[in-house]
Amino acid sequence: WRFVGLGGDGGSATVTAGSFLARRNGA
């Protein structure tokens, strides 16, 4: 699952099997 534009800093993250991502609900 790829997230682009996280945290208001334009960062991205890819969550792969066996990992997790926790975030506030900012889109």
PDB file of all heavy atoms in Angstrom:
ATOM      1  N   TRP A   1       0.870  -1.173   0.000  1.00  0.00           N
ATOM      2  CA  TRP A   1       0.000   0.000   0.000  1.00  0.00           C
ATOM      3  C   TRP A   1       0.908   1.224   0.000  1.00  0.00           C
ATOM      4  O   TRP A   1       1.650   1.453   0.945  1.00  0.00           O
ATOM      5  CB  TRP A   1      -0.888  -0.025   1.234  1.00  0.00           C
ATOM      6  CG  TRP A   1      -1.993   0.978   1.282  1.00  0.00           C
ATOM      7  CD1 TRP A   1      -2.070   2.180   0.650  1.00  0.00           C
ATOM      8  CD2 TRP A   1      -3.208   0.866   2.035  1.00  0.00           C
ATOM      9  NE1 TRP A   1      -3.234   2.828   0.952  1.00  0.00           N
ATOM     10  CE2 TRP A   1      -3.961   2.036   1.799  1.00  0.00           C
ATOM     11  CE3 TRP A   1      -3.719  -0.107   2.885  1.00  0.00           C
ATOM     12  CZ2 TRP A   1      -5.192   2.260   2.394  1.00  0.00           C
ATOM     13  CZ3 TRP A   1      -4.959   0.108   3.482  1.00  0.00           C
ATOM     14  CH2 TRP A   1      -5.693   1.284   3.232  1.00  0.00           C
ATOM     15  N   ARG A   2       0.824   2.033  -1.041  1.00  0.00           N
ATOM     16  CA  ARG A   2       1.677   3.209  -1.169  1.00  0.00           C
ATOM     17  C   ARG A   2       0.900   4.461  -0.806  1.00  0.00           C
ATOM     18  O   ARG A   2      -0.212   4.691  -1.299  1.00  0.00           O
ATOM     19  CB  ARG A   2       2.214   3.322  -2.602  1.00  0.00           C
ATOM     20  CG  ARG A   2       3.181   4.482  -2.813  1.00  0.00           C
ATOM     21  CD  ARG A   2       3.881   4.335  -4.154  1.00  0.00           C
ATOM     22  NE  ARG A   2       4.730   5.475  -4.445  1.00  0.00           N
ATOM     23  CZ  ARG A   2       4.457   6.426  -5.334  1.00  0.00           C
ATOM     24  NH1 ARG A   2       3.331   6.346  -6.042  1.00  0.00           N
ATOM     25  NH2 ARG A   2       5.293   7.427  -5.546  1.00  0.00           N
ATOM     26  N   PHE A   3       1.495   5.274   0.073  1.00  0.00           N
ATOM     27  CA  PHE A   3       0.924   6.541   0.502  1.00  0.00           C
ATOM     28  C   PHE A   3       1.833   7.657  -0.005  1.00  0.00           C
ATOM     29  O   PHE A   3       3.050   7.627   0.225  1.00  0.00           O
ATOM     30  CB  PHE A   3       0.844   6.628   2.027  1.00  0.00           C
ATOM     31  CG  PHE A   3      -0.025   5.580   2.673  1.00  0.00           C
ATOM     32  CD1 PHE A   3       0.435   4.282   2.854  1.00  0.00           C
ATOM     33  CD2 PHE A   3      -1.299   5.900   3.118  1.00  0.00           C
ATOM     34  CE1 PHE A   3      -0.356   3.321   3.462  1.00  0.00           C
ATOM     35  CE2 PHE A   3      -2.102   4.942   3.730  1.00  0.00           C
ATOM     36  CZ  PHE A   3      -1.634   3.646   3.898  1.00  0.00           C
ATOM     37  N   VAL A   4       1.261   8.666  -0.637  1.00  0.00           N
ATOM     38  CA  VAL A   4       2.030   9.806  -1.126  1.00  0.00           C
ATOM     39  C   VAL A   4       1.464  11.074  -0.504  1.00  0.00           C
ATOM     40  O   VAL A   4       0.247  11.257  -0.455  1.00  0.00           O
ATOM     41  CB  VAL A   4       1.977   9.910  -2.667  1.00  0.00           C
ATOM     42  CG1 VAL A   4       2.777  11.123  -3.148  1.00  0.00           C
ATOM     43  CG2 VAL A   4       2.511   8.639  -3.300  1.00  0.00           C
ATOM     44  N   GLY A   5       2.353  11.963  -0.026  1.00  0.00           N
ATOM     45  CA  GLY A   5       1.905  13.225   0.558  1.00  0.00           C
ATOM     46  C   GLY A   5       1.542  13.107   2.017  1.00  0.00           C
ATOM     47  O   GLY A   5       0.637  13.787   2.496  1.00  0.00           O
ATOM     48  N   LEU A   6       2.248  12.254   2.755  1.00  0.00           N
ATOM     49  CA  LEU A   6       1.954  12.054   4.170  1.00  0.00           C
ATOM     50  C   LEU A   6       2.494  13.192   5.023  1.00  0.00           C
ATOM     51  O   LEU A   6       3.548  13.761   4.738  1.00  0.00           O
ATOM     52  CB  LEU A   6       2.585  10.740   4.658  1.00  0.00           C
ATOM     53  CG  LEU A   6       1.884   9.450   4.238  1.00  0.00           C
ATOM     54  CD1 LEU A   6       2.787   8.261   4.535  1.00  0.00           C
ATOM     55  CD2 LEU A   6       0.566   9.303   4.984  1.00  0.00           C
ATOM     56  N   GLY A   7       1.762  13.488   6.088  1.00  0.00           N
ATOM     57  CA  GLY A   7       2.266  14.378   7.125  1.00  0.00           C
ATOM     58  C   GLY A   7       2.435  15.821   6.732  1.00  0.00           C
ATOM     59  O   GLY A   7       3.083  16.586   7.432  1.00  0.00           O
ATOM     60  N   GLY A   8       1.898  16.219   5.598  1.00  0.00           N
ATOM     61  CA  GLY A   8       2.002  17.612   5.207  1.00  0.00           C
ATOM     62  C   GLY A   8       3.371  17.996   4.673  1.00  0.00           C
ATOM     63  O   GLY A   8       3.594  19.150   4.295  1.00  0.00           O
ATOM     64  N   ASP A   9       4.334  17.055   4.634  1.00  0.00           N
ATOM     65  CA  ASP A   9       5.675  17.368   4.143  1.00  0.00           C
ATOM     66  C   ASP A   9       5.928  16.788   2.756  1.00  0.00           C
ATOM     67  O   ASP A   9       7.045  16.816   2.254  1.00  0.00           O
ATOM     68  CB  ASP A   9       6.739  16.850   5.119  1.00  0.00           C
ATOM     69  CG  ASP A   9       6.647  15.331   5.329  1.00  0.00           C
ATOM     70  OD1 ASP A   9       5.802  14.693   4.674  1.00  0.00           O
ATOM     71  OD2 ASP A   9       7.426  14.814   6.151  1.00  0.00           O
ATOM     72  N   GLY A  10       4.873  16.241   2.137  1.00  0.00           N
ATOM     73  CA  GLY A  10       5.028  15.680   0.814  1.00  0.00           C
ATOM     74  C   GLY A  10       5.722  14.339   0.791  1.00  0.00           C
ATOM     75  O   GLY A  10       6.033  13.807  -0.272  1.00  0.00           O
ATOM     76  N   GLY A  11       5.996  13.763   1.969  1.00  0.00           N
ATOM     77  CA  GLY A  11       6.686  12.488   2.028  1.00  0.00           C
ATOM     78  C   GLY A  11       5.813  11.344   1.564  1.00  0.00           C
ATOM     79  O   GLY A  11       4.592  11.462   1.453  1.00  0.00           O
ATOM     80  N   SER A  12       6.442  10.225   1.269  1.00  0.00           N
ATOM     81  CA  SER A  12       5.705   9.041   0.849  1.00  0.00           C
ATOM     82  C   SER A  12       6.207   7.832   1.619  1.00  0.00           C
ATOM     83  O   SER A  12       7.283   7.848   2.215  1.00  0.00           O
ATOM     84  CB  SER A  12       5.872   8.816  -0.660  1.00  0.00           C
ATOM     85  OG  SER A  12       7.235   8.549  -0.970  1.00  0.00           O
ATOM     86  N   ALA A  13       5.399   6.786   1.641  1.00  0.00           N
ATOM     87  CA  ALA A  13       5.775   5.549   2.311  1.00  0.00           C
ATOM     88  C   ALA A  13       5.051   4.402   1.636  1.00  0.00           C
ATOM     89  O   ALA A  13       3.897   4.555   1.205  1.00  0.00           O
ATOM     90  CB  ALA A  13       5.425   5.602   3.798  1.00  0.00           C
ATOM     91  N   THR A  14       5.722   3.274   1.542  1.00  0.00           N
ATOM     92  CA  THR A  14       5.106   2.061   1.022  1.00  0.00           C
ATOM     93  C   THR A  14       5.095   1.018   2.126  1.00  0.00           C
ATOM     94  O   THR A  14       6.139   0.676   2.680  1.00  0.00           O
ATOM     95  CB  THR A  14       5.879   1.517  -0.193  1.00  0.00           C
ATOM     96  OG1 THR A  14       5.849   2.501  -1.238  1.00  0.00           O
ATOM     97  CG2 THR A  14       5.227   0.233  -0.713  1.00  0.00           C
ATOM     98  N   VAL A  15       3.901   0.556   2.464  1.00  0.00           N
ATOM     99  CA  VAL A  15       3.737  -0.432   3.525  1.00  0.00           C
ATOM    100  C   VAL A  15       3.614  -1.792   2.859  1.00  0.00           C
ATOM    101  O   VAL A  15       2.698  -2.017   2.054  1.00  0.00           O
ATOM    102  CB  VAL A  15       2.482  -0.134   4.378  1.00  0.00           C
ATOM    103  CG1 VAL A  15       2.453  -1.022   5.612  1.00  0.00           C
ATOM    104  CG2 VAL A  15       2.444   1.332   4.776  1.00  0.00           C
ATOM    105  N   THR A  16       4.519  -2.686   3.170  1.00  0.00           N
ATOM    106  CA  THR A  16       4.529  -4.013   2.555  1.00  0.00           C
ATOM    107  C   THR A  16       4.051  -5.056   3.553  1.00  0.00           C
ATOM    108  O   THR A  16       3.884  -4.769   4.753  1.00  0.00           O
ATOM    109  CB  THR A  16       5.946  -4.363   2.073  1.00  0.00           C
ATOM    110  OG1 THR A  16       6.858  -4.276   3.176  1.00  0.00           O
ATOM    111  CG2 THR A  16       6.393  -3.403   0.982  1.00  0.00           C
ATOM    112  N   ALA A  17       3.835  -6.268   3.078  1.00  0.00           N
ATOM    113  CA  ALA A  17       3.348  -7.351   3.940  1.00  0.00           C
ATOM    114  C   ALA A  17       4.288  -7.531   5.133  1.00  0.00           C
ATOM    115  O   ALA A  17       5.511  -7.548   4.981  1.00  0.00           O
ATOM    116  CB  ALA A  17       3.261  -8.644   3.142  1.00  0.00           C
ATOM    117  N   GLY A  18       3.689  -7.632   6.331  1.00  0.00           N
ATOM    118  CA  GLY A  18       4.472  -7.793   7.545  1.00  0.00           C
ATOM    119  C   GLY A  18       4.877  -6.490   8.191  1.00  0.00           C
ATOM    120  O   GLY A  18       5.619  -6.500   9.179  1.00  0.00           O
ATOM    121  N   SER A  19       4.373  -5.356   7.673  1.00  0.00           N
ATOM    122  CA  SER A  19       4.686  -4.054   8.271  1.00  0.00           C
ATOM    123  C   SER A  19       3.409  -3.268   8.509  1.00  0.00           C
ATOM    124  O   SER A  19       2.319  -3.660   8.070  1.00  0.00           O
ATOM    125  CB  SER A  19       5.652  -3.266   7.383  1.00  0.00           C
ATOM    126  OG  SER A  19       5.080  -3.014   6.121  1.00  0.00           O
ATOM    127  N   PHE A  20       3.538  -2.139   9.217  1.00  0.00           N
ATOM    128  CA  PHE A  20       2.370  -1.314   9.510  1.00  0.00           C
ATOM    129  C   PHE A  20       2.721   0.154   9.347  1.00  0.00           C
ATOM    130  O   PHE A  20       3.888   0.559   9.428  1.00  0.00           O
ATOM    131  CB  PHE A  20       1.853  -1.568  10.932  1.00  0.00           C
ATOM    132  CG  PHE A  20       2.688  -0.920  12.009  1.00  0.00           C
ATOM    133  CD1 PHE A  20       2.421   0.376  12.452  1.00  0.00           C
ATOM    134  CD2 PHE A  20       3.745  -1.609  12.593  1.00  0.00           C
ATOM    135  CE1 PHE A  20       3.205   0.976  13.433  1.00  0.00           C
ATOM    136  CE2 PHE A  20       4.529  -1.017  13.580  1.00  0.00           C
ATOM    137  CZ  PHE A  20       4.258   0.274  14.004  1.00  0.00           C
ATOM    138  N   LEU A  21       1.692   0.953   9.138  1.00  0.00           N
ATOM    139  CA  LEU A  21       1.807   2.409   9.126  1.00  0.00           C
ATOM    140  C   LEU A  21       0.726   2.968  10.033  1.00  0.00           C
ATOM    141  O   LEU A  21      -0.445   2.589   9.913  1.00  0.00           O
ATOM    142  CB  LEU A  21       1.623   2.962   7.705  1.00  0.00           C
ATOM    143  CG  LEU A  21       1.574   4.493   7.600  1.00  0.00           C
ATOM    144  CD1 LEU A  21       2.960   5.087   7.791  1.00  0.00           C
ATOM    145  CD2 LEU A  21       1.005   4.928   6.251  1.00  0.00           C
ATOM    146  N   ALA A  22       1.107   3.854  10.945  1.00  0.00           N
ATOM    147  CA  ALA A  22       0.142   4.557  11.795  1.00  0.00           C
ATOM    148  C   ALA A  22       0.223   6.037  11.453  1.00  0.00           C
ATOM    149  O   ALA A  22       1.318   6.594  11.303  1.00  0.00           O
ATOM    150  CB  ALA A  22       0.468   4.335  13.269  1.00  0.00           C
ATOM    151  N   ARG A  23      -0.938   6.671  11.312  1.00  0.00           N
ATOM    152  CA  ARG A  23      -0.962   8.072  10.919  1.00  0.00           C
ATOM    153  C   ARG A  23      -2.230   8.729  11.426  1.00  0.00           C
ATOM    154  O   ARG A  23      -3.211   8.067  11.735  1.00  0.00           O
ATOM    155  CB  ARG A  23      -0.909   8.189   9.387  1.00  0.00           C
ATOM    156  CG  ARG A  23      -2.132   7.583   8.701  1.00  0.00           C
ATOM    157  CD  ARG A  23      -2.015   7.613   7.189  1.00  0.00           C
ATOM    158  NE  ARG A  23      -3.209   7.057   6.547  1.00  0.00           N
ATOM    159  CZ  ARG A  23      -4.277   7.755   6.217  1.00  0.00           C
ATOM    160  NH1 ARG A  23      -4.323   9.064   6.460  1.00  0.00           N
ATOM    161  NH2 ARG A  23      -5.320   7.185   5.650  1.00  0.00           N
ATOM    162  N   ARG A  24      -2.178  10.038  11.543  1.00  0.00           N
ATOM    163  CA  ARG A  24      -3.413  10.776  11.755  1.00  0.00           C
ATOM    164  C   ARG A  24      -4.183  10.817  10.450  1.00  0.00           C
ATOM    165  O   ARG A  24      -3.639  10.530   9.390  1.00  0.00           O
ATOM    166  CB  ARG A  24      -3.094  12.187  12.239  1.00  0.00           C
ATOM    167  CG  ARG A  24      -2.400  12.186  13.589  1.00  0.00           C
ATOM    168  CD  ARG A  24      -3.134  13.074  14.538  1.00  0.00           C
ATOM    169  NE  ARG A  24      -2.379  13.182  15.796  1.00  0.00           N
ATOM    170  CZ  ARG A  24      -2.950  13.297  16.966  1.00  0.00           C
ATOM    171  NH1 ARG A  24      -4.272  13.281  17.053  1.00  0.00           N
ATOM    172  NH2 ARG A  24      -2.233  13.406  18.058  1.00  0.00           N
ATOM    173  N   ASN A  25      -5.452  11.209  10.511  1.00  0.00           N
ATOM    174  CA  ASN A  25      -6.296  11.039   9.337  1.00  0.00           C
ATOM    175  C   ASN A  25      -6.207  12.176   8.333  1.00  0.00           C
ATOM    176  O   ASN A  25      -7.034  12.250   7.436  1.00  0.00           O
ATOM    177  CB  ASN A  25      -7.751  10.858   9.754  1.00  0.00           C
ATOM    178  CG  ASN A  25      -8.304  12.100  10.433  1.00  0.00           C
ATOM    179  OD1 ASN A  25      -7.853  12.454  11.512  1.00  0.00           O
ATOM    180  ND2 ASN A  25      -9.254  12.771   9.807  1.00  0.00           N
ATOM    181  N   GLY A  26      -5.212  13.053   8.453  1.00  0.00           N
ATOM    182  CA  GLY A  26      -5.007  14.047   7.407  1.00  0.00           C
ATOM    183  C   GLY A  26      -4.799  13.348   6.076  1.00  0.00           C
ATOM    184  O   GLY A  26      -4.037  12.389   5.976  1.00  0.00           O
ATOM    185  N   ALA A  27      -5.458  13.804   5.038  1.00  0.00           N
ATOM    186  CA  ALA A  27      -5.518  13.048   3.787  1.00  0.00           C
ATOM    187  C   ALA A  27      -4.182  13.036   3.054  1.00  0.00           C
ATOM    188  O   ALA A  27      -3.627  14.084   2.762  1.00  0.00           O
ATOM    189  CB  ALA A  27      -6.585  13.649   2.880  1.00  0.00           C
TER     190      ALA A  27
END
